[in-house]
Amino acid sequence: MNKEYKSETKKRKFMTTTRMIMLGFLLGAFIGSVLLCMPISLKQGVSISYVDALFVSVSSICVTGLSTVNIGATFSGLGQVILLILIQMGGLGIVTFTTILFILFRKRITLSERMLIQNAYNLDTMSGLVRLTINVFKITMLIELLGAAFYALVFVPEYGLVGIWYSLFHAVSAFCNAGIDLLGGNSFCAYVQNPVINFTTMALIITGGLGFPVFWEIGRMIRVKAGKIRGQRKMSYHARLVLVVTAVLIAAGTLLTLLFEYNNPATLGPLRLPGKLMAALFQSVTLRTAGFATIDQANFRSVSCLVYLLFMFIGGSPAGTAGGVKTITILLLFASVISNIKGNREVTLGKRKITDTNIRRCVAIIIFSFSVLVLLTVAMLACCPYDMMDLAYEMTSAIATVGLSRGLTGSLDVAGKLIVSLAMYLGRIGPITLALAFNSNKGTSFVSYAEGKVIIG
């Protein structure tokens, strides 16, 4: 009995929340790659290598959007359904998706599983977690169906009944910030001046990128003001920060795109002013790890691409479908820099104190992500001398799970495909696992050492 208890204890210590999330994405990508290799998942007369199937599977479950094959021309209806499931799993998160399955099959949610949900959403309380998960799922389905209804206004007249499937697929892909399309590999470039496609896609991307806690709180505020429920009429500190920094980044990306690309004949140049504004806004929004494009990324000027690298690296907001190091991470780090410049003893933001623990987490996440980006970029250069701008764009897009490319993806060799797949995987689970690891107090040292004096700057 004692041996069994010790064995169970060791198993629990080994299978931490972080490892379960990492293994969940890894297992999902592997199963998806095997299913996508089956002949029934491919269109008649089409074959695909396992490396390509693995690449597409990783890209789907990591909601990135990069692809080495033409999705619509390669995969059959079943294959596209498999991709949709992988995208939905990646968007909701392995923990949330698994919890939903447990609820559907009436399986009891244990304490350890509730702790997983708590860590996945980075919440301070364990009360109402299952109800929160159910509500997140319901709202996700509602938003995706609304998005599909708007897409259908364009796709059904153009493609007939197949347009219904196209509408649903792209709605899920947009909300989950995946950027995978069935339209021939050119994303939404054919719809650069179509307001329905543009604004529907942007609405889905922004909603998914805000983070589940934020748009759930927005829904609560709407119901409170409508008098349907009682509650506090003021949004939380976190939600206010997310909304402000999201608006600032979108506005900045739009203005910079207009500034650098206004007269570029290959991008915004041929469009009239309303079209320029819409295309610039879409580009700014899709950089938030969405991956859809209405303009070929290879046509943007180098100065624009350098700016886009920064926006892609930042990504979306915490606990949502977007990737990157997250908006709040960058905001807190910026607040720390400003506080140091001013000589303040504490880091403050919006008349609130930011703890040293949160600042250390932000620094760790950014250094980790940037270090992985540099190391994998060097590995790519060692394998093949790709164009530096194209490579930087590809690798930043992969590590931030964006999915935008300047045309390099299709020309990758086997080593390149594996490296980019690794980048997508690490980009999807990296910041999450770091946050969970730093939330844990296991192994905390209480030893205090003498201060070491060093020169900085």
Protein backbone atom coordinates (compact mmCIF):
# COMPACT_ATOMS: atom_id res chain seq x y z
CA MET A 1 0.00 0.00 0.00
CA ASN A 2 2.89 2.31 0.93
CA LYS A 3 4.62 1.59 -2.40
CA GLU A 4 1.42 2.29 -4.33
CA TYR A 5 0.99 5.60 -2.50
CA LYS A 6 4.57 6.63 -3.22
CA SER A 7 4.17 5.65 -6.88
CA GLU A 8 1.00 7.72 -7.20
CA THR A 9 2.68 10.67 -5.49
CA LYS A 10 5.63 10.52 -7.88
CA LYS A 11 3.26 10.32 -10.84
CA ARG A 12 1.40 13.44 -9.69
CA LYS A 13 4.66 15.32 -9.16
CA PHE A 14 5.87 14.37 -12.64
CA MET A 15 2.61 15.06 -14.48
CA THR A 16 2.36 18.74 -13.62
CA THR A 17 -0.10 21.12 -15.23
CA THR A 18 2.64 22.49 -17.46
CA ARG A 19 3.63 19.06 -18.72
CA MET A 20 0.03 18.02 -19.30
CA ILE A 21 -0.57 21.07 -21.52
CA MET A 22 2.69 20.48 -23.41
CA LEU A 23 1.94 16.81 -23.95
CA GLY A 24 -1.66 17.59 -24.86
CA PHE A 25 -0.63 19.81 -27.77
CA LEU A 26 2.07 17.33 -28.80
CA LEU A 27 -0.30 14.36 -28.74
CA GLY A 28 -2.98 16.30 -30.60
CA ALA A 29 -0.50 17.31 -33.32
CA PHE A 30 0.73 13.72 -33.72
CA ILE A 31 -2.78 12.22 -33.94
CA GLY A 32 -3.79 14.93 -36.38
CA SER A 33 -0.77 14.24 -38.61
CA VAL A 34 -1.61 10.53 -38.76
CA LEU A 35 -5.25 11.23 -39.62
CA LEU A 36 -4.29 13.76 -42.30
CA CYS A 37 -2.02 11.19 -43.97
CA MET A 38 -4.88 8.75 -44.52
CA PRO A 39 -6.09 8.48 -48.15
CA ILE A 40 -9.65 9.19 -47.02
CA SER A 41 -8.49 12.59 -45.73
CA LEU A 42 -7.03 13.54 -49.11
CA LYS A 43 -8.66 14.39 -52.40
CA GLN A 44 -8.59 11.75 -55.08
CA GLY A 45 -5.21 11.51 -56.79
CA VAL A 46 -3.48 13.69 -54.18
CA SER A 47 -0.68 12.43 -51.94
CA ILE A 48 1.14 14.13 -49.08
CA SER A 49 4.34 13.34 -47.19
CA TYR A 50 4.22 12.73 -43.45
CA VAL A 51 6.37 15.82 -42.82
CA ASP A 52 3.84 18.00 -44.66
CA ALA A 53 0.96 16.38 -42.75
CA LEU A 54 2.80 16.99 -39.48
CA PHE A 55 3.48 20.60 -40.45
CA VAL A 56 -0.19 21.28 -41.26
CA SER A 57 -1.35 19.48 -38.11
CA VAL A 58 1.01 21.49 -35.88
CA SER A 59 -0.01 24.69 -37.65
CA SER A 60 -3.70 23.89 -37.05
CA ILE A 61 -3.59 22.89 -33.40
CA CYS A 62 -1.17 25.74 -32.65
CA VAL A 63 -3.58 28.07 -34.52
CA THR A 64 -0.79 29.48 -36.67
CA GLY A 65 -1.91 29.20 -40.29
CA LEU A 66 1.35 28.51 -42.12
CA SER A 67 0.99 25.68 -44.64
CA THR A 68 3.31 23.88 -47.03
CA VAL A 69 0.37 22.67 -49.15
CA ASN A 70 -2.76 24.16 -50.65
CA ILE A 71 -5.34 23.24 -48.00
CA GLY A 72 -8.42 23.44 -50.21
CA ALA A 73 -6.85 21.50 -53.09
CA THR A 74 -5.18 18.85 -50.91
CA PHE A 75 -7.64 17.71 -48.27
CA SER A 76 -11.04 16.10 -48.76
CA GLY A 77 -14.14 17.01 -46.78
CA LEU A 78 -13.07 14.66 -43.97
CA GLY A 79 -9.57 16.11 -43.98
CA GLN A 80 -11.00 19.61 -43.69
CA VAL A 81 -13.22 18.52 -40.79
CA ILE A 82 -10.14 17.12 -39.03
CA LEU A 83 -8.38 20.44 -39.55
CA LEU A 84 -11.39 22.30 -38.17
CA ILE A 85 -11.38 20.15 -35.03
CA LEU A 86 -7.65 20.73 -34.56
CA ILE A 87 -8.15 24.49 -34.97
CA GLN A 88 -11.01 24.50 -32.46
CA MET A 89 -8.95 22.47 -30.00
CA GLY A 90 -6.04 24.86 -30.35
CA GLY A 91 -8.23 27.93 -30.09
CA LEU A 92 -10.14 26.87 -26.99
CA GLY A 93 -7.06 25.22 -25.51
CA ILE A 94 -6.46 21.56 -24.78
CA VAL A 95 -7.70 21.87 -21.20
CA THR A 96 -10.94 23.66 -22.11
CA PHE A 97 -11.65 21.36 -25.06
CA THR A 98 -11.06 18.25 -22.92
CA THR A 99 -13.27 19.61 -20.15
CA ILE A 100 -16.09 20.21 -22.65
CA LEU A 101 -15.80 16.58 -23.80
CA PHE A 102 -15.97 15.40 -20.18
CA ILE A 103 -19.12 17.43 -19.66
CA LEU A 104 -20.73 16.14 -22.87
CA PHE A 105 -20.05 12.52 -21.83
CA ARG A 106 -21.21 13.31 -18.25
CA LYS A 107 -17.83 12.49 -16.72
CA ARG A 108 -17.18 13.95 -13.28
CA ILE A 109 -14.74 16.88 -13.22
CA THR A 110 -12.19 16.07 -10.52
CA LEU A 111 -10.29 18.51 -8.30
CA SER A 112 -7.10 18.09 -10.36
CA GLU A 113 -9.03 18.89 -13.55
CA ARG A 114 -10.52 21.98 -11.91
CA MET A 115 -6.99 23.07 -11.02
CA LEU A 116 -6.03 22.64 -14.68
CA ILE A 117 -8.90 24.91 -15.74
CA GLN A 118 -7.88 27.46 -13.11
CA ASN A 119 -4.29 27.50 -14.36
CA ALA A 120 -5.34 27.56 -18.03
CA TYR A 121 -7.33 30.79 -17.46
CA ASN A 122 -4.86 32.10 -14.87
CA LEU A 123 -7.67 32.69 -12.35
CA ASP A 124 -7.39 33.38 -8.63
CA THR A 125 -10.39 31.30 -7.59
CA MET A 126 -11.66 27.77 -8.20
CA SER A 127 -15.32 28.59 -7.76
CA GLY A 128 -17.55 28.32 -10.83
CA LEU A 129 -14.79 26.98 -13.11
CA VAL A 130 -16.93 24.36 -14.83
CA ARG A 131 -19.73 26.89 -15.40
CA LEU A 132 -17.14 29.34 -16.77
CA THR A 133 -15.86 26.69 -19.19
CA ILE A 134 -19.39 25.91 -20.38
CA ASN A 135 -20.13 29.61 -20.88
CA VAL A 136 -16.88 30.13 -22.80
CA PHE A 137 -17.82 27.24 -25.07
CA LYS A 138 -21.35 28.56 -25.62
CA ILE A 139 -20.17 32.08 -26.41
CA THR A 140 -17.48 30.72 -28.74
CA MET A 141 -20.06 28.70 -30.68
CA LEU A 142 -22.42 31.70 -30.83
CA ILE A 143 -19.74 34.08 -32.11
CA GLU A 144 -18.50 31.57 -34.70
CA LEU A 145 -22.03 30.94 -35.96
CA LEU A 146 -22.67 34.68 -36.24
CA GLY A 147 -19.42 35.05 -38.16
CA ALA A 148 -20.40 32.16 -40.45
CA ALA A 149 -23.75 33.84 -41.13
CA PHE A 150 -22.02 37.02 -42.31
CA TYR A 151 -19.49 35.08 -44.39
CA ALA A 152 -22.39 33.22 -46.02
CA LEU A 153 -23.63 36.49 -47.48
CA VAL A 154 -20.57 36.39 -49.76
CA PHE A 155 -19.56 32.74 -50.00
CA VAL A 156 -23.00 31.17 -50.67
CA PRO A 157 -23.78 33.33 -53.73
CA GLU A 158 -20.24 32.71 -55.00
CA TYR A 159 -19.79 28.99 -54.23
CA GLY A 160 -23.33 27.68 -53.78
CA LEU A 161 -24.01 25.17 -51.01
CA VAL A 162 -20.26 24.63 -50.52
CA GLY A 163 -20.21 28.24 -49.39
CA ILE A 164 -21.98 27.21 -46.17
CA TRP A 165 -19.04 24.98 -45.26
CA TYR A 166 -16.58 27.69 -46.33
CA SER A 167 -18.39 30.17 -44.10
CA LEU A 168 -18.28 27.93 -41.04
CA PHE A 169 -14.64 26.90 -41.58
CA HIS A 170 -13.37 30.45 -41.99
CA ALA A 171 -15.43 31.72 -39.05
CA VAL A 172 -13.81 29.16 -36.74
CA SER A 173 -10.40 29.82 -38.27
CA ALA A 174 -10.77 33.59 -37.80
CA PHE A 175 -12.10 33.47 -34.22
CA CYS A 176 -9.36 31.02 -33.22
CA ASN A 177 -6.80 33.29 -34.90
CA ALA A 178 -5.64 30.38 -37.07
CA GLY A 179 -5.68 32.02 -40.49
CA ILE A 180 -6.10 28.73 -42.39
CA ASP A 181 -8.26 29.12 -45.50
CA LEU A 182 -9.80 26.94 -48.21
CA LEU A 183 -9.64 29.54 -50.98
CA GLY A 184 -6.58 28.40 -52.90
CA GLY A 185 -3.68 29.63 -50.81
CA ASN A 186 -4.15 33.37 -51.47
CA SER A 187 -6.09 33.90 -48.26
CA PHE A 188 -8.55 36.83 -48.64
CA CYS A 189 -6.51 38.77 -51.21
CA ALA A 190 -9.40 38.53 -53.69
CA TYR A 191 -11.64 40.29 -51.14
CA VAL A 192 -9.40 43.25 -50.33
CA GLN A 193 -12.24 45.68 -51.12
CA ASN A 194 -15.11 43.56 -49.77
CA PRO A 195 -16.36 45.18 -46.53
CA VAL A 196 -18.36 42.11 -45.40
CA ILE A 197 -15.34 39.78 -45.52
CA ASN A 198 -13.00 42.41 -44.08
CA PHE A 199 -15.08 43.56 -41.12
CA THR A 200 -16.43 40.10 -40.28
CA THR A 201 -12.90 38.72 -40.19
CA MET A 202 -11.58 41.64 -38.13
CA ALA A 203 -14.43 41.33 -35.63
CA LEU A 204 -13.76 37.61 -35.16
CA ILE A 205 -9.99 38.12 -34.85
CA ILE A 206 -10.31 40.90 -32.28
CA THR A 207 -12.93 39.04 -30.23
CA GLY A 208 -10.81 35.90 -30.06
CA GLY A 209 -7.64 37.88 -29.39
CA LEU A 210 -9.06 39.83 -26.45
CA GLY A 211 -9.05 36.75 -24.25
CA PHE A 212 -11.96 34.74 -22.88
CA PRO A 213 -12.10 36.51 -19.47
CA VAL A 214 -12.30 39.93 -21.17
CA PHE A 215 -15.05 39.26 -23.67
CA TRP A 216 -16.94 37.32 -20.99
CA GLU A 217 -16.72 40.43 -18.82
CA ILE A 218 -17.90 42.60 -21.73
CA GLY A 219 -20.93 40.33 -22.06
CA ARG A 220 -21.58 40.62 -18.33
CA MET A 221 -21.39 44.41 -18.50
CA ILE A 222 -23.90 44.48 -21.35
CA ARG A 223 -26.34 42.36 -19.35
CA VAL A 224 -25.84 44.52 -16.25
CA LYS A 225 -26.56 47.75 -18.13
CA ALA A 226 -29.56 46.13 -19.81
CA GLY A 227 -30.93 45.32 -16.36
CA LYS A 228 -30.96 41.55 -16.92
CA ILE A 229 -28.58 40.86 -14.03
CA ARG A 230 -27.22 42.75 -11.05
CA GLY A 231 -23.56 43.42 -10.61
CA GLN A 232 -20.75 45.93 -10.65
CA ARG A 233 -20.98 48.36 -13.56
CA LYS A 234 -17.23 48.98 -13.68
CA MET A 235 -14.92 46.68 -15.63
CA SER A 236 -11.96 45.03 -13.95
CA TYR A 237 -8.49 46.55 -14.04
CA HIS A 238 -7.21 43.77 -16.33
CA ALA A 239 -10.06 44.16 -18.82
CA ARG A 240 -9.56 47.93 -19.04
CA LEU A 241 -5.85 47.49 -19.72
CA VAL A 242 -6.50 44.87 -22.41
CA LEU A 243 -9.03 47.04 -24.23
CA VAL A 244 -6.85 50.15 -24.13
CA VAL A 245 -3.62 48.50 -25.29
CA THR A 246 -5.48 46.56 -28.00
CA ALA A 247 -7.02 49.74 -29.38
CA VAL A 248 -3.67 51.56 -29.28
CA LEU A 249 -1.82 48.77 -31.10
CA ILE A 250 -4.49 48.44 -33.80
CA ALA A 251 -4.54 52.21 -34.36
CA ALA A 252 -0.75 52.39 -34.45
CA GLY A 253 -0.50 49.52 -36.93
CA THR A 254 -3.10 51.13 -39.18
CA LEU A 255 -1.42 54.54 -39.18
CA LEU A 256 2.06 53.10 -39.82
CA THR A 257 0.76 50.97 -42.69
CA LEU A 258 -0.84 54.03 -44.26
CA LEU A 259 2.35 56.04 -43.73
CA PHE A 260 4.70 53.50 -45.33
CA GLU A 261 2.43 51.92 -47.96
CA TYR A 262 0.08 54.71 -49.08
CA ASN A 263 1.74 55.13 -52.48
CA ASN A 264 3.13 51.60 -52.89
CA PRO A 265 1.71 50.37 -56.24
CA ALA A 266 1.97 46.75 -55.07
CA THR A 267 -0.08 47.23 -51.87
CA LEU A 268 -2.28 50.24 -51.01
CA GLY A 269 -1.37 52.38 -54.01
CA PRO A 270 -4.14 51.28 -56.45
CA LEU A 271 -6.90 51.58 -53.82
CA ARG A 272 -9.08 54.60 -53.15
CA LEU A 273 -8.95 56.24 -49.72
CA PRO A 274 -11.75 54.10 -48.13
CA GLY A 275 -10.06 50.98 -49.53
CA LYS A 276 -6.68 52.09 -48.23
CA LEU A 277 -8.11 52.64 -44.76
CA MET A 278 -9.86 49.26 -44.72
CA ALA A 279 -6.81 47.38 -46.03
CA ALA A 280 -4.47 49.12 -43.56
CA LEU A 281 -6.85 48.38 -40.68
CA PHE A 282 -7.13 44.73 -41.72
CA GLN A 283 -3.35 44.40 -41.92
CA SER A 284 -2.98 45.86 -38.44
CA VAL A 285 -5.62 43.52 -37.01
CA THR A 286 -4.32 40.36 -38.72
CA LEU A 287 -0.83 41.00 -37.33
CA ARG A 288 -2.32 40.16 -33.93
CA THR A 289 -1.59 36.46 -34.78
CA ALA A 290 -4.58 35.95 -37.09
CA GLY A 291 -2.78 34.98 -40.31
CA PHE A 292 -5.39 36.05 -42.88
CA ALA A 293 -4.23 38.51 -45.53
CA THR A 294 -5.93 40.79 -48.04
CA ILE A 295 -2.56 41.92 -49.48
CA ASP A 296 0.38 39.70 -50.46
CA GLN A 297 2.90 40.08 -47.63
CA ALA A 298 5.84 39.84 -50.05
CA ASN A 299 4.81 43.18 -51.59
CA PHE A 300 5.17 45.25 -48.44
CA ARG A 301 8.20 47.49 -48.13
CA SER A 302 11.06 46.48 -45.84
CA VAL A 303 10.33 49.31 -43.39
CA SER A 304 6.75 48.07 -43.02
CA CYS A 305 7.92 44.49 -42.49
CA LEU A 306 10.29 45.56 -39.72
CA VAL A 307 7.37 47.21 -37.91
CA TYR A 308 5.20 44.16 -38.53
CA LEU A 309 7.82 41.91 -36.89
CA LEU A 310 7.30 43.83 -33.63
CA PHE A 311 3.51 43.69 -33.84
CA MET A 312 3.57 39.95 -34.56
CA PHE A 313 5.94 39.32 -31.65
CA ILE A 314 3.58 41.16 -29.26
CA GLY A 315 0.50 39.21 -30.41
CA GLY A 316 -2.86 39.20 -28.65
CA SER A 317 -4.05 39.26 -25.05
CA PRO A 318 -3.79 36.62 -22.28
CA ALA A 319 -6.18 33.66 -22.01
CA GLY A 320 -7.42 34.03 -25.58
CA THR A 321 -6.90 32.35 -28.94
CA ALA A 322 -4.02 34.60 -30.06
CA GLY A 323 -0.31 33.95 -29.64
CA GLY A 324 2.73 36.15 -29.12
CA VAL A 325 4.18 37.31 -25.82
CA LYS A 326 0.83 39.05 -25.14
CA THR A 327 -0.20 42.68 -24.91
CA ILE A 328 -0.22 42.86 -21.11
CA THR A 329 3.32 41.43 -20.95
CA ILE A 330 4.65 44.23 -23.16
CA LEU A 331 2.58 46.87 -21.35
CA LEU A 332 3.89 45.87 -17.91
CA LEU A 333 7.48 45.77 -19.17
CA PHE A 334 7.03 49.24 -20.70
CA ALA A 335 5.60 50.49 -17.38
CA SER A 336 8.66 49.06 -15.61
CA VAL A 337 11.00 50.92 -17.96
CA ILE A 338 9.13 54.21 -17.44
CA SER A 339 9.19 53.75 -13.65
CA ASN A 340 12.96 53.13 -13.74
CA ILE A 341 13.53 56.22 -15.89
CA LYS A 342 11.49 58.32 -13.44
CA GLY A 343 13.39 56.85 -10.51
CA ASN A 344 10.27 55.42 -8.86
CA ARG A 345 10.78 52.70 -6.28
CA GLU A 346 7.65 50.88 -7.40
CA VAL A 347 6.22 50.06 -10.82
CA THR A 348 2.80 51.66 -11.22
CA LEU A 349 0.27 51.65 -14.05
CA GLY A 350 -3.07 53.41 -13.97
CA LYS A 351 -2.67 54.28 -10.27
CA ARG A 352 -2.12 50.61 -9.45
CA LYS A 353 1.05 48.94 -8.19
CA ILE A 354 2.51 46.14 -10.32
CA THR A 355 4.23 43.48 -8.24
CA ASP A 356 7.85 42.49 -8.77
CA THR A 357 6.66 38.92 -9.40
CA ASN A 358 4.62 40.02 -12.41
CA ILE A 359 7.51 42.08 -13.79
CA ARG A 360 9.86 39.09 -13.46
CA ARG A 361 7.35 36.90 -15.30
CA CYS A 362 7.11 39.44 -18.12
CA VAL A 363 10.89 39.60 -18.48
CA ALA A 364 11.18 35.80 -18.43
CA ILE A 365 8.47 35.34 -21.09
CA ILE A 366 9.97 37.94 -23.43
CA ILE A 367 13.54 36.66 -23.04
CA PHE A 368 12.42 33.07 -23.51
CA SER A 369 10.42 33.84 -26.65
CA PHE A 370 13.09 36.07 -28.17
CA SER A 371 15.84 33.54 -27.38
CA VAL A 372 13.91 30.73 -29.07
CA LEU A 373 13.25 32.98 -32.06
CA VAL A 374 16.97 33.81 -32.45
CA LEU A 375 18.15 30.22 -31.97
CA LEU A 376 15.68 28.76 -34.46
CA THR A 377 16.41 31.53 -36.97
CA VAL A 378 20.12 30.72 -36.75
CA ALA A 379 19.28 27.03 -37.23
CA MET A 380 17.27 27.90 -40.34
CA LEU A 381 20.14 29.97 -41.74
CA ALA A 382 22.51 27.08 -41.09
CA CYS A 383 20.27 24.71 -43.06
CA CYS A 384 19.72 26.96 -46.05
CA PRO A 385 20.66 30.57 -46.90
CA TYR A 386 17.16 32.02 -47.18
CA ASP A 387 16.55 35.73 -47.74
CA MET A 388 16.99 37.38 -44.33
CA MET A 389 13.79 39.46 -44.39
CA ASP A 390 11.69 36.54 -45.61
CA LEU A 391 13.23 34.29 -42.97
CA ALA A 392 12.77 36.77 -40.12
CA TYR A 393 9.15 37.24 -41.17
CA GLU A 394 8.57 33.47 -41.37
CA MET A 395 10.17 32.66 -38.02
CA THR A 396 8.53 35.54 -36.14
CA SER A 397 5.21 34.52 -37.68
CA ALA A 398 5.78 30.94 -36.51
CA ILE A 399 6.95 31.66 -32.97
CA ALA A 400 4.10 34.16 -32.47
CA THR A 401 1.61 31.75 -34.15
CA VAL A 402 0.61 34.43 -36.67
CA GLY A 403 0.60 32.53 -39.95
CA LEU A 404 1.61 35.35 -42.30
CA SER A 405 4.37 34.58 -44.80
CA ARG A 406 6.29 36.32 -47.55
CA GLY A 407 6.15 33.16 -49.66
CA LEU A 408 8.90 31.18 -47.94
CA THR A 409 6.73 28.39 -46.49
CA GLY A 410 6.16 26.55 -49.76
CA SER A 411 9.90 26.39 -50.54
CA LEU A 412 11.03 24.95 -47.20
CA ASP A 413 13.04 21.72 -47.25
CA VAL A 414 12.47 18.90 -44.74
CA ALA A 415 14.77 20.43 -42.13
CA GLY A 416 13.13 23.83 -42.57
CA LYS A 417 9.64 22.37 -42.16
CA LEU A 418 10.65 20.61 -38.94
CA ILE A 419 12.28 23.75 -37.52
CA VAL A 420 9.25 25.91 -38.32
CA SER A 421 6.97 23.21 -36.83
CA LEU A 422 9.04 23.32 -33.64
CA ALA A 423 8.78 27.12 -33.61
CA MET A 424 4.98 26.97 -33.93
CA TYR A 425 4.75 24.42 -31.12
CA LEU A 426 7.04 26.32 -28.75
CA GLY A 427 5.30 29.57 -29.62
CA ARG A 428 1.91 28.13 -28.71
CA ILE A 429 2.88 26.59 -25.39
CA GLY A 430 5.91 28.70 -24.42
CA PRO A 431 4.41 31.73 -22.64
CA ILE A 432 1.61 29.59 -21.20
CA THR A 433 3.94 27.02 -19.66
CA LEU A 434 6.24 29.72 -18.33
CA ALA A 435 3.34 31.53 -16.69
CA LEU A 436 2.12 28.30 -15.10
CA ALA A 437 5.61 27.38 -13.96
CA PHE A 438 6.10 30.77 -12.29
CA ASN A 439 2.66 30.54 -10.68
CA SER A 440 3.82 27.44 -8.86
CA ASN A 441 5.48 27.75 -5.44
CA LYS A 442 7.02 24.30 -5.63
CA GLY A 443 10.70 24.33 -5.01
CA THR A 444 10.72 27.90 -3.69
CA SER A 445 13.94 28.67 -1.87
CA PHE A 446 13.78 30.57 1.42
CA VAL A 447 17.54 31.08 1.57
CA SER A 448 18.63 34.73 1.46
CA TYR A 449 22.09 35.62 0.18
CA ALA A 450 24.24 38.66 0.62
CA GLU A 451 23.69 41.41 -1.94
CA GLY A 452 26.00 41.32 -4.97
CA LYS A 453 26.93 44.76 -6.23
CA VAL A 454 27.25 45.10 -10.02
CA ILE A 455 27.49 47.93 -12.52
CA ILE A 456 24.51 48.27 -14.87
CA GLY A 457 24.26 50.33 -18.04
